[in-house]
């Protein structure tokens, strides 16, 4: 079904805005209030980020390099010891990839609603 014909461009524009308003407001209008779930997501994300950083620091400082990986030197000033990927890195990569897939699929299915 296409756009119904109106007797003026103003009527067609009103119909367009009517459809847009239904698409943007899925909940009934309400007075100002605290969105506790949104705050919980925000603080939960910050706590999770802090825990991940602390976990990474502990893992980074306590992991001993194993194997036959030589030390790389860059310009004589900087050196880097290579090694196998740690469990932290593998888990972090899986989580970030999963999060990206959820965002991309969500935007493709429901569109970007900001």
PDB file of N, CA and C in Angstrom:
ATOM      1  N   UNK A   1       0.850  -1.175   0.000  1.00  0.00           N
ATOM      2  CA  UNK A   1       0.000   0.000   0.000  1.00  0.00           C
ATOM      3  C   UNK A   1       0.889   1.230   0.000  1.00  0.00           C
ATOM      4  N   UNK A   2       0.634   2.130  -0.908  1.00  0.00           N
ATOM      5  CA  UNK A   2       1.427   3.341  -1.023  1.00  0.00           C
ATOM      6  C   UNK A   2       0.851   4.467  -0.186  1.00  0.00           C
ATOM      7  N   UNK A   3       1.442   5.597  -0.332  1.00  0.00           N
ATOM      8  CA  UNK A   3       1.002   6.784   0.396  1.00  0.00           C
ATOM      9  C   UNK A   3      -0.349   7.228  -0.168  1.00  0.00           C
ATOM     10  N   UNK A   4      -1.341   7.440   0.700  1.00  0.00           N
ATOM     11  CA  UNK A   4      -2.637   7.889   0.174  1.00  0.00           C
ATOM     12  C   UNK A   4      -2.537   9.301  -0.398  1.00  0.00           C
ATOM     13  N   UNK A   5      -3.356   9.564  -1.330  1.00  0.00           N
ATOM     14  CA  UNK A   5      -3.328  10.890  -1.954  1.00  0.00           C
ATOM     15  C   UNK A   5      -4.105  11.878  -1.092  1.00  0.00           C
ATOM     16  N   UNK A   6      -3.515  13.019  -0.919  1.00  0.00           N
ATOM     17  CA  UNK A   6      -4.170  14.076  -0.169  1.00  0.00           C
ATOM     18  C   UNK A   6      -4.557  15.211  -1.096  1.00  0.00           C
ATOM     19  N   UNK A   7      -5.335  16.120  -0.585  1.00  0.00           N
ATOM     20  CA  UNK A   7      -5.743  17.232  -1.438  1.00  0.00           C
ATOM     21  C   UNK A   7      -4.721  18.361  -1.410  1.00  0.00           C
ATOM     22  N   UNK A   8      -3.668  18.206  -0.580  1.00  0.00           N
ATOM     23  CA  UNK A   8      -2.637  19.239  -0.552  1.00  0.00           C
ATOM     24  C   UNK A   8      -1.332  18.625  -0.044  1.00  0.00           C
ATOM     25  N   UNK A   9      -0.204  19.263  -0.351  1.00  0.00           N
ATOM     26  CA  UNK A   9       1.073  18.780   0.172  1.00  0.00           C
ATOM     27  C   UNK A   9       1.126  18.827   1.705  1.00  0.00           C
ATOM     28  N   UNK A  10       0.414  19.758   2.299  1.00  0.00           N
ATOM     29  CA  UNK A  10       0.404  19.863   3.767  1.00  0.00           C
ATOM     30  C   UNK A  10      -0.256  18.621   4.382  1.00  0.00           C
ATOM     31  N   UNK A  11      -1.336  18.143   3.772  1.00  0.00           N
ATOM     32  CA  UNK A  11      -2.017  16.952   4.285  1.00  0.00           C
ATOM     33  C   UNK A  11      -1.120  15.725   4.155  1.00  0.00           C
ATOM     34  N   UNK A  12      -0.401  15.598   3.042  1.00  0.00           N
ATOM     35  CA  UNK A  12       0.532  14.485   2.871  1.00  0.00           C
ATOM     36  C   UNK A  12       1.653  14.570   3.908  1.00  0.00           C
ATOM     37  N   UNK A  13       2.121  15.776   4.184  1.00  0.00           N
ATOM     38  CA  UNK A  13       3.177  15.953   5.189  1.00  0.00           C
ATOM     39  C   UNK A  13       2.665  15.603   6.589  1.00  0.00           C
ATOM     40  N   UNK A  14       1.460  15.962   6.905  1.00  0.00           N
ATOM     41  CA  UNK A  14       0.886  15.605   8.204  1.00  0.00           C
ATOM     42  C   UNK A  14       0.787  14.086   8.350  1.00  0.00           C
ATOM     43  N   UNK A  15       0.396  13.416   7.288  1.00  0.00           N
ATOM     44  CA  UNK A  15       0.300  11.950   7.329  1.00  0.00           C
ATOM     45  C   UNK A  15       1.683  11.332   7.529  1.00  0.00           C
ATOM     46  N   UNK A  16       2.676  11.872   6.839  1.00  0.00           N
ATOM     47  CA  UNK A  16       4.051  11.395   6.984  1.00  0.00           C
ATOM     48  C   UNK A  16       4.526  11.560   8.427  1.00  0.00           C
ATOM     49  N   UNK A  17       4.293  12.727   9.006  1.00  0.00           N
ATOM     50  CA  UNK A  17       4.716  12.948  10.394  1.00  0.00           C
ATOM     51  C   UNK A  17       3.933  12.062  11.360  1.00  0.00           C
ATOM     52  N   UNK A  18       2.683  11.788  11.063  1.00  0.00           N
ATOM     53  CA  UNK A  18       1.884  10.872  11.882  1.00  0.00           C
ATOM     54  C   UNK A  18       2.514   9.483  11.892  1.00  0.00           C
ATOM     55  N   UNK A  19       2.901   8.986  10.727  1.00  0.00           N
ATOM     56  CA  UNK A  19       3.551   7.676  10.653  1.00  0.00           C
ATOM     57  C   UNK A  19       4.901   7.678  11.366  1.00  0.00           C
ATOM     58  N   UNK A  20       5.662   8.737  11.185  1.00  0.00           N
ATOM     59  CA  UNK A  20       6.964   8.837  11.850  1.00  0.00           C
ATOM     60  C   UNK A  20       6.805   8.874  13.367  1.00  0.00           C
ATOM     61  N   UNK A  21       5.819   9.547  13.869  1.00  0.00           N
ATOM     62  CA  UNK A  21       5.632   9.644  15.320  1.00  0.00           C
ATOM     63  C   UNK A  21       5.305   8.284  15.912  1.00  0.00           C
ATOM     64  N   UNK A  22       4.563   7.446  15.177  1.00  0.00           N
ATOM     65  CA  UNK A  22       4.272   6.102  15.675  1.00  0.00           C
ATOM     66  C   UNK A  22       5.520   5.229  15.666  1.00  0.00           C
ATOM     67  N   UNK A  23       6.398   5.471  14.712  1.00  0.00           N
ATOM     68  CA  UNK A  23       7.622   4.678  14.621  1.00  0.00           C
ATOM     69  C   UNK A  23       8.611   5.063  15.712  1.00  0.00           C
ATOM     70  N   UNK A  24       8.588   6.297  16.170  1.00  0.00           N
ATOM     71  CA  UNK A  24       9.575   6.770  17.136  1.00  0.00           C
ATOM     72  C   UNK A  24       9.113   6.649  18.581  1.00  0.00           C
ATOM     73  N   UNK A  25       7.846   6.580  18.824  1.00  0.00           N
ATOM     74  CA  UNK A  25       7.360   6.510  20.198  1.00  0.00           C
ATOM     75  C   UNK A  25       6.664   5.184  20.427  1.00  0.00           C
ATOM     76  N   UNK A  26       7.403   4.236  20.975  1.00  0.00           N
ATOM     77  CA  UNK A  26       6.824   2.934  21.250  1.00  0.00           C
ATOM     78  C   UNK A  26       6.179   2.891  22.636  1.00  0.00           C
ATOM     79  N   UNK A  27       6.438   3.888  23.469  1.00  0.00           N
ATOM     80  CA  UNK A  27       5.885   3.933  24.809  1.00  0.00           C
ATOM     81  C   UNK A  27       5.030   5.191  24.960  1.00  0.00           C
ATOM     82  N   UNK A  28       4.140   5.136  25.919  1.00  0.00           N
ATOM     83  CA  UNK A  28       3.282   6.301  26.154  1.00  0.00           C
ATOM     84  C   UNK A  28       4.115   7.439  26.743  1.00  0.00           C
ATOM     85  N   UNK A  29       3.810   8.677  26.384  1.00  0.00           N
ATOM     86  CA  UNK A  29       4.526   9.801  26.972  1.00  0.00           C
ATOM     87  C   UNK A  29       4.315   9.843  28.483  1.00  0.00           C
ATOM     88  N   UNK A  30       5.367  10.212  29.195  1.00  0.00           N
ATOM     89  CA  UNK A  30       5.289  10.271  30.652  1.00  0.00           C
ATOM     90  C   UNK A  30       6.072  11.478  31.139  1.00  0.00           C
ATOM     91  N   UNK A  31       5.803  11.886  32.358  1.00  0.00           N
ATOM     92  CA  UNK A  31       6.568  12.982  32.932  1.00  0.00           C
ATOM     93  C   UNK A  31       7.982  12.506  33.223  1.00  0.00           C
ATOM     94  N   UNK A  32       8.843  13.417  33.583  1.00  0.00           N
ATOM     95  CA  UNK A  32      10.249  13.098  33.822  1.00  0.00           C
ATOM     96  C   UNK A  32      10.378  12.124  34.974  1.00  0.00           C
ATOM     97  N   UNK A  33      11.196  11.120  34.774  1.00  0.00           N
ATOM     98  CA  UNK A  33      11.501  10.178  35.840  1.00  0.00           C
ATOM     99  C   UNK A  33      12.853   9.531  35.561  1.00  0.00           C
ATOM    100  N   UNK A  34      13.405   8.882  36.542  1.00  0.00           N
ATOM    101  CA  UNK A  34      14.709   8.243  36.412  1.00  0.00           C
ATOM    102  C   UNK A  34      14.529   6.884  35.734  1.00  0.00           C
ATOM    103  N   UNK A  35      15.329   6.627  34.741  1.00  0.00           N
ATOM    104  CA  UNK A  35      15.337   5.326  34.081  1.00  0.00           C
ATOM    105  C   UNK A  35      16.352   4.443  34.797  1.00  0.00           C
ATOM    106  N   UNK A  36      15.881   3.708  35.787  1.00  0.00           N
ATOM    107  CA  UNK A  36      16.787   2.926  36.622  1.00  0.00           C
ATOM    108  C   UNK A  36      17.475   1.826  35.831  1.00  0.00           C
ATOM    109  N   UNK A  37      16.789   1.241  34.884  1.00  0.00           N
ATOM    110  CA  UNK A  37      17.411   0.200  34.079  1.00  0.00           C
ATOM    111  C   UNK A  37      18.556   0.765  33.239  1.00  0.00           C
ATOM    112  N   UNK A  38      18.354   1.961  32.687  1.00  0.00           N
ATOM    113  CA  UNK A  38      19.420   2.601  31.919  1.00  0.00           C
ATOM    114  C   UNK A  38      20.624   2.907  32.808  1.00  0.00           C
ATOM    115  N   UNK A  39      20.361   3.394  34.018  1.00  0.00           N
ATOM    116  CA  UNK A  39      21.463   3.660  34.946  1.00  0.00           C
ATOM    117  C   UNK A  39      22.174   2.375  35.349  1.00  0.00           C
ATOM    118  N   UNK A  40      21.412   1.307  35.530  1.00  0.00           N
ATOM    119  CA  UNK A  40      22.025   0.026  35.883  1.00  0.00           C
ATOM    120  C   UNK A  40      22.919  -0.465  34.741  1.00  0.00           C
ATOM    121  N   UNK A  41      22.473  -0.310  33.496  1.00  0.00           N
ATOM    122  CA  UNK A  41      23.307  -0.702  32.366  1.00  0.00           C
ATOM    123  C   UNK A  41      24.579   0.139  32.315  1.00  0.00           C
ATOM    124  N   UNK A  42      24.444   1.442  32.537  1.00  0.00           N
ATOM    125  CA  UNK A  42      25.610   2.329  32.503  1.00  0.00           C
ATOM    126  C   UNK A  42      26.631   1.937  33.560  1.00  0.00           C
ATOM    127  N   UNK A  43      26.189   1.838  34.814  1.00  0.00           N
ATOM    128  CA  UNK A  43      27.117   1.515  35.897  1.00  0.00           C
ATOM    129  C   UNK A  43      27.601   0.081  35.802  1.00  0.00           C
ATOM    130  N   UNK A  44      26.753  -0.814  35.312  1.00  0.00           N
ATOM    131  CA  UNK A  44      27.202  -2.186  35.105  1.00  0.00           C
ATOM    132  C   UNK A  44      28.305  -2.259  34.057  1.00  0.00           C
ATOM    133  N   UNK A  45      28.152  -1.468  32.992  1.00  0.00           N
ATOM    134  CA  UNK A  45      29.196  -1.421  31.968  1.00  0.00           C
ATOM    135  C   UNK A  45      30.492  -0.869  32.545  1.00  0.00           C
ATOM    136  N   UNK A  46      30.408   0.201  33.331  1.00  0.00           N
ATOM    137  CA  UNK A  46      31.618   0.782  33.907  1.00  0.00           C
ATOM    138  C   UNK A  46      32.296  -0.169  34.890  1.00  0.00           C
ATOM    139  N   UNK A  47      31.516  -0.868  35.697  1.00  0.00           N
ATOM    140  CA  UNK A  47      32.082  -1.841  36.633  1.00  0.00           C
ATOM    141  C   UNK A  47      32.723  -2.990  35.855  1.00  0.00           C
ATOM    142  N   UNK A  48      32.041  -3.482  34.830  1.00  0.00           N
ATOM    143  CA  UNK A  48      32.600  -4.569  34.018  1.00  0.00           C
ATOM    144  C   UNK A  48      33.888  -4.121  33.334  1.00  0.00           C
ATOM    145  N   UNK A  49      33.909  -2.891  32.831  1.00  0.00           N
ATOM    146  CA  UNK A  49      35.111  -2.373  32.191  1.00  0.00           C
ATOM    147  C   UNK A  49      36.263  -2.277  33.181  1.00  0.00           C
ATOM    148  N   UNK A  50      35.991  -1.795  34.398  1.00  0.00           N
ATOM    149  CA  UNK A  50      37.037  -1.708  35.421  1.00  0.00           C
ATOM    150  C   UNK A  50      37.551  -3.097  35.797  1.00  0.00           C
ATOM    151  N   UNK A  51      36.634  -4.068  35.935  1.00  0.00           N
ATOM    152  CA  UNK A  51      37.067  -5.432  36.259  1.00  0.00           C
ATOM    153  C   UNK A  51      37.892  -6.050  35.137  1.00  0.00           C
ATOM    154  N   UNK A  52      37.512  -5.803  33.904  1.00  0.00           N
ATOM    155  CA  UNK A  52      38.274  -6.317  32.769  1.00  0.00           C
ATOM    156  C   UNK A  52      39.671  -5.708  32.748  1.00  0.00           C
ATOM    157  N   UNK A  53      39.773  -4.412  33.007  1.00  0.00           N
ATOM    158  CA  UNK A  53      41.083  -3.764  33.024  1.00  0.00           C
ATOM    159  C   UNK A  53      41.941  -4.327  34.151  1.00  0.00           C
ATOM    160  N   UNK A  54      41.358  -4.501  35.326  1.00  0.00           N
ATOM    161  CA  UNK A  54      42.121  -5.075  36.438  1.00  0.00           C
ATOM    162  C   UNK A  54      42.534  -6.511  36.143  1.00  0.00           C
ATOM    163  N   UNK A  55      41.648  -7.288  35.553  1.00  0.00           N
ATOM    164  CA  UNK A  55      41.975  -8.662  35.181  1.00  0.00           C
ATOM    165  C   UNK A  55      43.110  -8.685  34.168  1.00  0.00           C
ATOM    166  N   UNK A  56      43.029  -7.796  33.168  1.00  0.00           N
ATOM    167  CA  UNK A  56      44.069  -7.734  32.155  1.00  0.00           C
ATOM    168  C   UNK A  56      45.409  -7.337  32.770  1.00  0.00           C
ATOM    169  N   UNK A  57      45.389  -6.359  33.657  1.00  0.00           N
ATOM    170  CA  UNK A  57      46.644  -5.949  34.307  1.00  0.00           C
ATOM    171  C   UNK A  57      47.250  -7.098  35.100  1.00  0.00           C
ATOM    172  N   UNK A  58      46.439  -7.809  35.863  1.00  0.00           N
ATOM    173  CA  UNK A  58      46.943  -8.945  36.623  1.00  0.00           C
ATOM    174  C   UNK A  58      47.495 -10.030  35.727  1.00  0.00           C
ATOM    175  N   UNK A  59      46.781 -10.324  34.657  1.00  0.00           N
ATOM    176  CA  UNK A  59      47.243 -11.337  33.706  1.00  0.00           C
ATOM    177  C   UNK A  59      48.526 -10.888  33.016  1.00  0.00           C
ATOM    178  N   UNK A  60      48.594  -9.637  32.633  1.00  0.00           N
ATOM    179  CA  UNK A  60      49.749  -9.114  31.903  1.00  0.00           C
ATOM    180  C   UNK A  60      51.010  -9.125  32.766  1.00  0.00           C
ATOM    181  N   UNK A  61      50.818  -8.772  34.058  1.00  0.00           N
ATOM    182  CA  UNK A  61      51.978  -8.701  34.956  1.00  0.00           C
ATOM    183  C   UNK A  61      52.426 -10.076  35.450  1.00  0.00           C
ATOM    184  N   UNK A  62      51.559 -11.080  35.376  1.00  0.00           N
ATOM    185  CA  UNK A  62      51.913 -12.375  35.949  1.00  0.00           C
ATOM    186  C   UNK A  62      52.196 -13.456  34.909  1.00  0.00           C
ATOM    187  N   UNK A  63      51.957 -13.180  33.640  1.00  0.00           N
ATOM    188  CA  UNK A  63      52.161 -14.198  32.616  1.00  0.00           C
ATOM    189  C   UNK A  63      53.631 -14.232  32.213  1.00  0.00           C
ATOM    190  N   UNK A  64      54.203 -15.402  32.292  1.00  0.00           N
ATOM    191  CA  UNK A  64      55.590 -15.590  31.877  1.00  0.00           C
ATOM    192  C   UNK A  64      55.586 -16.018  30.412  1.00  0.00           C
ATOM    193  N   UNK A  65      56.461 -15.403  29.624  1.00  0.00           N
ATOM    194  CA  UNK A  65      56.538 -15.763  28.210  1.00  0.00           C
ATOM    195  C   UNK A  65      57.187 -17.133  28.068  1.00  0.00           C
ATOM    196  N   UNK A  66      56.579 -17.992  27.295  1.00  0.00           N
ATOM    197  CA  UNK A  66      57.092 -19.331  27.075  1.00  0.00           C
ATOM    198  C   UNK A  66      57.358 -19.532  25.592  1.00  0.00           C
ATOM    199  N   UNK A  67      58.110 -20.543  25.304  1.00  0.00           N
ATOM    200  CA  UNK A  67      58.277 -20.919  23.910  1.00  0.00           C
ATOM    201  C   UNK A  67      59.574 -20.413  23.328  1.00  0.00           C
ATOM    202  N   UNK A  68      59.662 -20.534  22.029  1.00  0.00           N
ATOM    203  CA  UNK A  68      60.897 -20.186  21.330  1.00  0.00           C
ATOM    204  C   UNK A  68      60.755 -18.851  20.598  1.00  0.00           C
ATOM    205  N   UNK A  69      59.998 -17.952  21.185  1.00  0.00           N
ATOM    206  CA  UNK A  69      59.774 -16.662  20.537  1.00  0.00           C
ATOM    207  C   UNK A  69      60.932 -15.728  20.860  1.00  0.00           C
ATOM    208  N   UNK A  70      61.647 -15.229  19.867  1.00  0.00           N
ATOM    209  CA  UNK A  70      62.755 -14.313  20.143  1.00  0.00           C
ATOM    210  C   UNK A  70      62.239 -12.917  20.512  1.00  0.00           C
ATOM    211  N   UNK A  71      63.069 -12.160  21.189  1.00  0.00           N
ATOM    212  CA  UNK A  71      62.711 -10.787  21.546  1.00  0.00           C
ATOM    213  C   UNK A  71      62.940  -9.889  20.338  1.00  0.00           C
ATOM    214  N   UNK A  72      61.902  -9.142  19.960  1.00  0.00           N
ATOM    215  CA  UNK A  72      62.007  -8.206  18.845  1.00  0.00           C
ATOM    216  C   UNK A  72      62.535  -6.881  19.369  1.00  0.00           C
ATOM    217  N   UNK A  73      63.423  -6.259  18.620  1.00  0.00           N
ATOM    218  CA  UNK A  73      63.941  -4.944  18.990  1.00  0.00           C
ATOM    219  C   UNK A  73      63.709  -3.987  17.831  1.00  0.00           C
ATOM    220  N   UNK A  74      63.243  -2.808  18.177  1.00  0.00           N
ATOM    221  CA  UNK A  74      62.924  -1.800  17.173  1.00  0.00           C
ATOM    222  C   UNK A  74      63.818  -0.593  17.402  1.00  0.00           C
ATOM    223  N   UNK A  75      64.752  -0.359  16.528  1.00  0.00           N
ATOM    224  CA  UNK A  75      65.613   0.814  16.619  1.00  0.00           C
ATOM    225  C   UNK A  75      66.563   0.789  17.803  1.00  0.00           C
ATOM    226  N   UNK A  76      66.691  -0.320  18.468  1.00  0.00           N
ATOM    227  CA  UNK A  76      67.609  -0.406  19.600  1.00  0.00           C
ATOM    228  C   UNK A  76      67.041   0.112  20.908  1.00  0.00           C
ATOM    229  N   UNK A  77      65.905   0.801  20.899  1.00  0.00           N
ATOM    230  CA  UNK A  77      65.354   1.398  22.118  1.00  0.00           C
ATOM    231  C   UNK A  77      64.157   0.612  22.663  1.00  0.00           C
ATOM    232  N   UNK A  78      63.363   0.075  21.781  1.00  0.00           N
ATOM    233  CA  UNK A  78      62.140  -0.606  22.182  1.00  0.00           C
ATOM    234  C   UNK A  78      62.273  -2.093  21.900  1.00  0.00           C
ATOM    235  N   UNK A  79      61.869  -2.910  22.867  1.00  0.00           N
ATOM    236  CA  UNK A  79      61.883  -4.349  22.649  1.00  0.00           C
ATOM    237  C   UNK A  79      60.529  -4.921  23.036  1.00  0.00           C
ATOM    238  N   UNK A  80      60.223  -6.054  22.423  1.00  0.00           N
ATOM    239  CA  UNK A  80      58.940  -6.678  22.683  1.00  0.00           C
ATOM    240  C   UNK A  80      59.129  -8.190  22.652  1.00  0.00           C
ATOM    241  N   UNK A  81      58.633  -8.850  23.681  1.00  0.00           N
ATOM    242  CA  UNK A  81      58.699 -10.307  23.730  1.00  0.00           C
ATOM    243  C   UNK A  81      57.393 -10.873  23.199  1.00  0.00           C
ATOM    244  N   UNK A  82      57.466 -11.663  22.158  1.00  0.00           N
ATOM    245  CA  UNK A  82      56.277 -12.276  21.583  1.00  0.00           C
ATOM    246  C   UNK A  82      55.920 -13.529  22.370  1.00  0.00           C
ATOM    247  N   UNK A  83      54.701 -13.957  22.227  1.00  0.00           N
ATOM    248  CA  UNK A  83      54.273 -15.167  22.915  1.00  0.00           C
ATOM    249  C   UNK A  83      52.913 -15.600  22.428  1.00  0.00           C
ATOM    250  N   UNK A  84      52.448 -16.731  22.893  1.00  0.00           N
ATOM    251  CA  UNK A  84      51.118 -17.199  22.475  1.00  0.00           C
ATOM    252  C   UNK A  84      50.023 -16.319  23.069  1.00  0.00           C
ATOM    253  N   UNK A  85      48.872 -16.343  22.443  1.00  0.00           N
ATOM    254  CA  UNK A  85      47.733 -15.567  22.942  1.00  0.00           C
ATOM    255  C   UNK A  85      47.275 -16.138  24.285  1.00  0.00           C
ATOM    256  N   UNK A  86      46.956 -15.255  25.217  1.00  0.00           N
ATOM    257  CA  UNK A  86      46.506 -15.686  26.543  1.00  0.00           C
ATOM    258  C   UNK A  86      45.008 -15.968  26.527  1.00  0.00           C
ATOM    259  N   UNK A  87      44.530 -16.625  27.575  1.00  0.00           N
ATOM    260  CA  UNK A  87      43.097 -16.906  27.689  1.00  0.00           C
ATOM    261  C   UNK A  87      42.301 -15.611  27.753  1.00  0.00           C
ATOM    262  N   UNK A  88      42.859 -14.609  28.439  1.00  0.00           N
ATOM    263  CA  UNK A  88      42.176 -13.313  28.523  1.00  0.00           C
ATOM    264  C   UNK A  88      41.955 -12.736  27.129  1.00  0.00           C
ATOM    265  N   UNK A  89      43.007 -12.739  26.317  1.00  0.00           N
ATOM    266  CA  UNK A  89      42.902 -12.157  24.984  1.00  0.00           C
ATOM    267  C   UNK A  89      41.876 -12.900  24.143  1.00  0.00           C
ATOM    268  N   UNK A  90      41.877 -14.230  24.205  1.00  0.00           N
ATOM    269  CA  UNK A  90      40.925 -15.014  23.425  1.00  0.00           C
ATOM    270  C   UNK A  90      39.490 -14.759  23.879  1.00  0.00           C
ATOM    271  N   UNK A  91      39.242 -14.741  25.195  1.00  0.00           N
ATOM    272  CA  UNK A  91      37.898 -14.472  25.713  1.00  0.00           C
ATOM    273  C   UNK A  91      37.454 -13.057  25.371  1.00  0.00           C
ATOM    274  N   UNK A  92      38.351 -12.097  25.517  1.00  0.00           N
ATOM    275  CA  UNK A  92      38.031 -10.701  25.211  1.00  0.00           C
ATOM    276  C   UNK A  92      37.681 -10.550  23.726  1.00  0.00           C
ATOM    277  N   UNK A  93      38.426 -11.233  22.851  1.00  0.00           N
ATOM    278  CA  UNK A  93      38.147 -11.179  21.418  1.00  0.00           C
ATOM    279  C   UNK A  93      36.778 -11.772  21.101  1.00  0.00           C
ATOM    280  N   UNK A  94      36.431 -12.876  21.744  1.00  0.00           N
ATOM    281  CA  UNK A  94      35.117 -13.492  21.528  1.00  0.00           C
ATOM    282  C   UNK A  94      34.003 -12.559  22.004  1.00  0.00           C
ATOM    283  N   UNK A  95      34.180 -11.933  23.172  1.00  0.00           N
ATOM    284  CA  UNK A  95      33.148 -11.030  23.705  1.00  0.00           C
ATOM    285  C   UNK A  95      32.964  -9.802  22.815  1.00  0.00           C
ATOM    286  N   UNK A  96      34.051  -9.197  22.378  1.00  0.00           N
ATOM    287  CA  UNK A  96      33.955  -8.004  21.533  1.00  0.00           C
ATOM    288  C   UNK A  96      33.319  -8.354  20.180  1.00  0.00           C
ATOM    289  N   UNK A  97      33.685  -9.502  19.625  1.00  0.00           N
ATOM    290  CA  UNK A  97      33.096  -9.931  18.354  1.00  0.00           C
ATOM    291  C   UNK A  97      31.594 -10.189  18.514  1.00  0.00           C
ATOM    292  N   UNK A  98      31.210 -10.847  19.612  1.00  0.00           N
ATOM    293  CA  UNK A  98      29.787 -11.073  19.871  1.00  0.00           C
ATOM    294  C   UNK A  98      29.017  -9.774  20.024  1.00  0.00           C
ATOM    295  N   UNK A  99      29.593  -8.828  20.752  1.00  0.00           N
ATOM    296  CA  UNK A  99      28.953  -7.518  20.942  1.00  0.00           C
ATOM    297  C   UNK A  99      28.775  -6.806  19.598  1.00  0.00           C
ATOM    298  N   UNK A 100      29.787  -6.860  18.736  1.00  0.00           N
ATOM    299  CA  UNK A 100      29.697  -6.215  17.422  1.00  0.00           C
ATOM    300  C   UNK A 100      28.604  -6.871  16.576  1.00  0.00           C
ATOM    301  N   UNK A 101      28.509  -8.187  16.624  1.00  0.00           N
ATOM    302  CA  UNK A 101      27.468  -8.887  15.852  1.00  0.00           C
ATOM    303  C   UNK A 101      26.085  -8.482  16.348  1.00  0.00           C
ATOM    304  N   UNK A 102      25.906  -8.402  17.671  1.00  0.00           N
ATOM    305  CA  UNK A 102      24.607  -7.993  18.227  1.00  0.00           C
ATOM    306  C   UNK A 102      24.248  -6.586  17.772  1.00  0.00           C
ATOM    307  N   UNK A 103      25.200  -5.657  17.810  1.00  0.00           N
ATOM    308  CA  UNK A 103      24.919  -4.284  17.375  1.00  0.00           C
ATOM    309  C   UNK A 103      24.575  -4.227  15.889  1.00  0.00           C
ATOM    310  N   UNK A 104      25.351  -4.913  15.074  1.00  0.00           N
ATOM    311  CA  UNK A 104      25.121  -4.853  13.631  1.00  0.00           C
ATOM    312  C   UNK A 104      23.780  -5.488  13.273  1.00  0.00           C
ATOM    313  N   UNK A 105      23.507  -6.659  13.796  1.00  0.00           N
ATOM    314  CA  UNK A 105      22.236  -7.329  13.487  1.00  0.00           C
ATOM    315  C   UNK A 105      21.062  -6.520  14.036  1.00  0.00           C
ATOM    316  N   UNK A 106      21.218  -5.982  15.250  1.00  0.00           N
ATOM    317  CA  UNK A 106      20.151  -5.153  15.815  1.00  0.00           C
ATOM    318  C   UNK A 106      19.852  -3.935  14.969  1.00  0.00           C
ATOM    319  N   UNK A 107      20.890  -3.275  14.455  1.00  0.00           N
ATOM    320  CA  UNK A 107      20.663  -2.108  13.607  1.00  0.00           C
ATOM    321  C   UNK A 107      20.058  -2.499  12.266  1.00  0.00           C
ATOM    322  N   UNK A 108      20.450  -3.641  11.745  1.00  0.00           N
ATOM    323  CA  UNK A 108      19.853  -4.086  10.476  1.00  0.00           C
ATOM    324  C   UNK A 108      18.382  -4.471  10.640  1.00  0.00           C
ATOM    325  N   UNK A 109      18.038  -5.083  11.774  1.00  0.00           N
ATOM    326  CA  UNK A 109      16.669  -5.537  11.983  1.00  0.00           C
ATOM    327  C   UNK A 109      15.758  -4.406  12.412  1.00  0.00           C
ATOM    328  N   UNK A 110      16.188  -3.619  13.409  1.00  0.00           N
ATOM    329  CA  UNK A 110      15.314  -2.588  13.969  1.00  0.00           C
ATOM    330  C   UNK A 110      15.661  -1.179  13.520  1.00  0.00           C
ATOM    331  N   UNK A 111      16.726  -1.001  12.816  1.00  0.00           N
ATOM    332  CA  UNK A 111      17.157   0.332  12.397  1.00  0.00           C
ATOM    333  C   UNK A 111      17.860   1.041  13.538  1.00  0.00           C
ATOM    334  N   UNK A 112      18.473   2.155  13.195  1.00  0.00           N
ATOM    335  CA  UNK A 112      19.187   2.922  14.209  1.00  0.00           C
ATOM    336  C   UNK A 112      18.226   3.901  14.853  1.00  0.00           C
ATOM    337  N   UNK A 113      17.907   3.640  16.107  1.00  0.00           N
ATOM    338  CA  UNK A 113      16.998   4.515  16.848  1.00  0.00           C
ATOM    339  C   UNK A 113      17.808   5.204  17.923  1.00  0.00           C
ATOM    340  N   UNK A 114      18.120   6.446  17.717  1.00  0.00           N
ATOM    341  CA  UNK A 114      18.898   7.200  18.702  1.00  0.00           C
ATOM    342  C   UNK A 114      18.088   8.363  19.215  1.00  0.00           C
TER     343      UNK A 114
END
